Amino acid sequence: MTIPQEASLLRVYTSSSDRYGMSALFVAIVHAARDHDLAGATVLRGPLGFGHRRRLQHDHLLPFSDDHPVIVEIVDSTEKIEAFLPALDTMMQSGLVTIERARVLHYGRRKPGWVERFRQQFQHASSDSSS
């Protein structure tokens, strides 16, 4: 999958306690993004935040008190992001959604690391010596 250099960044600000059906909203958004063949999605968990209700959301010491800020970030072409918005709209009860321009510098497999470069160099050297 290729992403154009000029793309859009979709950010969804929500809470870990927000639901969509039987699952957490942020999980549903990631699954929907994958179903819409978007390039990828990342979920970021924040330790502290507040929204339009001015209620602080933060990690609690008690494990059953799970209400912390969550951000879902998705980068893809502007057309694909805009085509995803109606699906996102059906999932959201509350939260904040932003879109901004993004410049993609790299996507996909990385260049070989030092181990791979060493292997390639070793294979090249051994093939030269066997000639």
Protein backbone atom coordinates (compact mmCIF):
# COMPACT_ATOMS: atom_id res chain seq x y z
CA MET A 1 0.00 0.00 0.00
CA THR A 2 1.35 3.41 -0.88
CA ILE A 3 0.44 6.70 0.68
CA PRO A 4 0.97 9.93 -1.22
CA GLN A 5 3.52 12.33 0.22
CA GLU A 6 0.72 14.80 0.92
CA ALA A 7 -1.85 13.09 3.15
CA SER A 8 -4.28 13.81 5.97
CA LEU A 9 -4.00 13.04 9.66
CA LEU A 10 -7.28 12.14 11.34
CA ARG A 11 -7.29 12.39 15.13
CA VAL A 12 -10.11 11.15 17.31
CA TYR A 13 -10.07 12.27 20.95
CA THR A 14 -12.20 10.09 23.18
CA SER A 15 -12.22 8.25 26.49
CA SER A 16 -11.35 4.65 27.24
CA SER A 17 -14.79 4.31 28.83
CA ASP A 18 -16.66 5.33 25.63
CA ARG A 19 -18.32 2.35 23.97
CA TYR A 20 -19.52 1.32 20.56
CA GLY A 21 -21.70 -1.75 20.81
CA MET A 22 -19.98 -4.30 23.00
CA SER A 23 -16.44 -2.95 22.59
CA ALA A 24 -14.47 0.13 23.48
CA LEU A 25 -14.94 2.94 20.96
CA PHE A 26 -11.24 3.20 20.18
CA VAL A 27 -11.11 -0.54 19.38
CA ALA A 28 -14.14 -0.22 17.10
CA ILE A 29 -12.54 2.74 15.29
CA VAL A 30 -9.34 0.79 14.64
CA HIS A 31 -11.31 -2.20 13.30
CA ALA A 32 -13.43 0.09 11.10
CA ALA A 33 -10.29 1.81 9.76
CA ARG A 34 -8.85 -1.58 8.84
CA ASP A 35 -12.15 -2.60 7.21
CA HIS A 36 -12.04 0.61 5.14
CA ASP A 37 -8.52 -0.31 3.99
CA LEU A 38 -6.89 2.71 5.58
CA ALA A 39 -3.10 2.66 5.84
CA GLY A 40 -2.96 2.20 9.61
CA ALA A 41 -4.17 3.41 12.97
CA THR A 42 -2.44 4.07 16.27
CA VAL A 43 -4.07 4.37 19.68
CA LEU A 44 -2.41 6.63 22.23
CA ARG A 45 -3.38 6.47 25.89
CA GLY A 46 -3.09 9.68 27.85
CA PRO A 47 -2.47 9.83 31.59
CA LEU A 48 -4.56 12.98 32.10
CA GLY A 49 -6.99 15.18 30.18
CA PHE A 50 -10.38 16.88 30.11
CA GLY A 51 -12.96 17.70 27.49
CA HIS A 52 -16.04 19.84 27.01
CA ARG A 53 -17.57 18.62 30.30
CA ARG A 54 -14.47 19.87 32.15
CA ARG A 55 -14.27 16.55 34.04
CA LEU A 56 -10.71 15.30 34.56
CA GLN A 57 -9.99 11.91 33.03
CA HIS A 58 -6.98 10.15 34.49
CA ASP A 59 -5.52 6.82 35.44
CA HIS A 60 -6.76 5.51 38.76
CA LEU A 61 -5.02 3.26 41.23
CA LEU A 62 -8.03 0.97 41.22
CA PRO A 63 -8.10 -1.33 38.18
CA PHE A 64 -11.90 -1.14 37.77
CA SER A 65 -11.79 2.65 37.41
CA ASP A 66 -10.79 2.78 33.76
CA ASP A 67 -11.45 6.25 32.36
CA HIS A 68 -8.46 7.85 30.70
CA PRO A 69 -8.07 9.98 27.56
CA VAL A 70 -7.45 8.10 24.31
CA ILE A 71 -6.39 9.43 20.91
CA VAL A 72 -6.71 7.42 17.70
CA GLU A 73 -4.50 8.65 14.87
CA ILE A 74 -4.97 7.60 11.25
CA VAL A 75 -2.90 8.84 8.30
CA ASP A 76 -3.92 8.24 4.70
CA SER A 77 -4.89 10.13 1.57
CA THR A 78 -7.39 12.93 2.04
CA GLU A 79 -9.91 11.11 -0.14
CA LYS A 80 -9.75 7.91 1.94
CA ILE A 81 -9.95 9.81 5.23
CA GLU A 82 -12.99 11.77 4.04
CA ALA A 83 -14.65 8.55 2.81
CA PHE A 84 -14.15 7.10 6.31
CA LEU A 85 -15.84 10.02 8.11
CA PRO A 86 -19.47 8.82 7.68
CA ALA A 87 -18.58 5.48 9.30
CA LEU A 88 -16.81 7.30 12.12
CA ASP A 89 -19.83 9.58 12.57
CA THR A 90 -22.11 6.59 13.19
CA MET A 91 -19.78 5.36 15.96
CA MET A 92 -19.21 8.61 17.84
CA GLN A 93 -21.54 9.73 20.63
CA SER A 94 -19.10 12.31 21.97
CA GLY A 95 -15.51 13.28 21.52
CA LEU A 96 -13.46 15.50 19.25
CA VAL A 97 -12.38 14.75 15.69
CA THR A 98 -9.72 16.79 13.88
CA ILE A 99 -8.15 16.57 10.45
CA GLU A 100 -4.95 18.23 9.40
CA ARG A 101 -2.56 18.01 6.49
CA ALA A 102 0.36 15.64 6.93
CA ARG A 103 3.52 15.13 4.95
CA VAL A 104 4.46 11.46 4.80
CA LEU A 105 8.20 10.89 4.83
CA HIS A 106 8.31 7.10 5.04
CA TYR A 107 5.89 4.20 4.88
CA GLY A 108 6.38 0.47 4.62
CA ARG A 109 9.46 -1.64 5.08
CA ARG A 110 12.53 0.06 6.40
CA LYS A 111 15.96 -0.13 4.86
CA PRO A 112 17.89 -3.14 6.09
CA GLY A 113 19.38 -2.69 9.54
CA TRP A 114 23.01 -3.36 10.40
CA VAL A 115 22.44 -7.12 10.81
CA GLU A 116 20.88 -7.41 7.36
CA ARG A 117 23.60 -5.23 5.80
CA PHE A 118 26.22 -7.45 7.44
CA ARG A 119 24.56 -10.59 6.04
CA GLN A 120 24.38 -9.08 2.57
CA GLN A 121 28.03 -8.06 2.75
CA PHE A 122 29.05 -11.51 4.04
CA GLN A 123 27.08 -13.26 1.28
CA HIS A 124 28.61 -10.97 -1.33
CA ALA A 125 32.14 -11.63 -0.01
CA SER A 126 31.63 -15.40 0.13
CA SER A 127 30.25 -15.50 -3.43
CA ASP A 128 33.31 -13.51 -4.64
CA SER A 129 35.70 -15.94 -2.98
CA SER A 130 33.98 -19.00 -4.44
CA SER A 131 34.34 -17.67 -7.99
